[in-house]
Amino acid sequence: MNVAITEKGQGLMEYALILVLVAVIVLVILVLIGPAVGTMFSSVIREV
């Protein structure tokens, strides 16, 4: 019984770690691409 609970908790931790890793990757991409997107929107607004 304890083994099943431990394995279930381990599975949840693996999903949590994957979720955190994906969130960090998305944040890094947004930080790197953010200024370029802002510049693009600014130029589009200026032309309209």
C-alpha atoms as a PDB file:
ATOM      1  CA  MET A   1       0.000   0.000   0.000  1.00  0.00           C
ATOM      2  CA  ASN A   2       2.777   2.464   0.832  1.00  0.00           C
ATOM      3  CA  VAL A   3       4.540   1.651  -2.428  1.00  0.00           C
ATOM      4  CA  ALA A   4       1.447   2.646  -4.432  1.00  0.00           C
ATOM      5  CA  ILE A   5       1.158   5.950  -2.569  1.00  0.00           C
ATOM      6  CA  THR A   6       4.861   6.668  -3.103  1.00  0.00           C
ATOM      7  CA  GLU A   7       4.627   5.898  -6.823  1.00  0.00           C
ATOM      8  CA  LYS A   8       1.544   8.097  -7.178  1.00  0.00           C
ATOM      9  CA  GLY A   9       3.336  10.952  -5.427  1.00  0.00           C
ATOM     10  CA  GLN A  10       6.371  10.426  -7.620  1.00  0.00           C
ATOM     11  CA  GLY A  11       4.202  10.645 -10.746  1.00  0.00           C
ATOM     12  CA  LEU A  12       2.667  13.890  -9.529  1.00  0.00           C
ATOM     13  CA  MET A  13       6.117  15.321  -8.832  1.00  0.00           C
ATOM     14  CA  GLU A  14       7.262  14.404 -12.338  1.00  0.00           C
ATOM     15  CA  TYR A  15       4.254  16.188 -13.859  1.00  0.00           C
ATOM     16  CA  ALA A  16       4.912  19.209 -11.628  1.00  0.00           C
ATOM     17  CA  LEU A  17       8.558  19.351 -12.687  1.00  0.00           C
ATOM     18  CA  ILE A  18       7.612  19.112 -16.362  1.00  0.00           C
ATOM     19  CA  LEU A  19       5.058  21.894 -15.881  1.00  0.00           C
ATOM     20  CA  VAL A  20       7.640  24.109 -14.176  1.00  0.00           C
ATOM     21  CA  LEU A  21      10.163  23.392 -16.944  1.00  0.00           C
ATOM     22  CA  VAL A  22       7.641  24.337 -19.643  1.00  0.00           C
ATOM     23  CA  ALA A  23       6.737  27.526 -17.745  1.00  0.00           C
ATOM     24  CA  VAL A  24      10.407  28.528 -17.469  1.00  0.00           C
ATOM     25  CA  ILE A  25      10.976  27.882 -21.179  1.00  0.00           C
ATOM     26  CA  VAL A  26       7.930  29.993 -22.094  1.00  0.00           C
ATOM     27  CA  LEU A  27       9.110  32.835 -19.847  1.00  0.00           C
ATOM     28  CA  VAL A  28      12.588  32.791 -21.370  1.00  0.00           C
ATOM     29  CA  ILE A  29      11.130  32.867 -24.881  1.00  0.00           C
ATOM     30  CA  LEU A  30       8.851  35.770 -23.960  1.00  0.00           C
ATOM     31  CA  VAL A  31      11.729  37.718 -22.424  1.00  0.00           C
ATOM     32  CA  LEU A  32      13.870  37.175 -25.505  1.00  0.00           C
ATOM     33  CA  ILE A  33      11.164  37.832 -28.104  1.00  0.00           C
ATOM     34  CA  GLY A  34       9.138  40.406 -26.136  1.00  0.00           C
ATOM     35  CA  PRO A  35      11.035  43.529 -27.190  1.00  0.00           C
ATOM     36  CA  ALA A  36      10.885  42.516 -30.859  1.00  0.00           C
ATOM     37  CA  VAL A  37       7.130  41.995 -30.652  1.00  0.00           C
ATOM     38  CA  GLY A  38       6.715  45.352 -28.916  1.00  0.00           C
ATOM     39  CA  THR A  39       8.717  47.068 -31.638  1.00  0.00           C
ATOM     40  CA  MET A  40       6.652  45.358 -34.317  1.00  0.00           C
ATOM     41  CA  PHE A  41       3.367  46.477 -32.729  1.00  0.00           C
ATOM     42  CA  SER A  42       4.698  50.018 -32.327  1.00  0.00           C
ATOM     43  CA  SER A  43       5.638  50.206 -35.995  1.00  0.00           C
ATOM     44  CA  VAL A  44       2.241  48.862 -37.047  1.00  0.00           C
ATOM     45  CA  ILE A  45       0.450  51.437 -34.868  1.00  0.00           C
ATOM     46  CA  ARG A  46       2.593  54.252 -36.292  1.00  0.00           C
ATOM     47  CA  GLU A  47       1.731  53.229 -39.866  1.00  0.00           C
ATOM     48  CA  VAL A  48      -2.014  53.089 -39.215  1.00  0.00           C
END
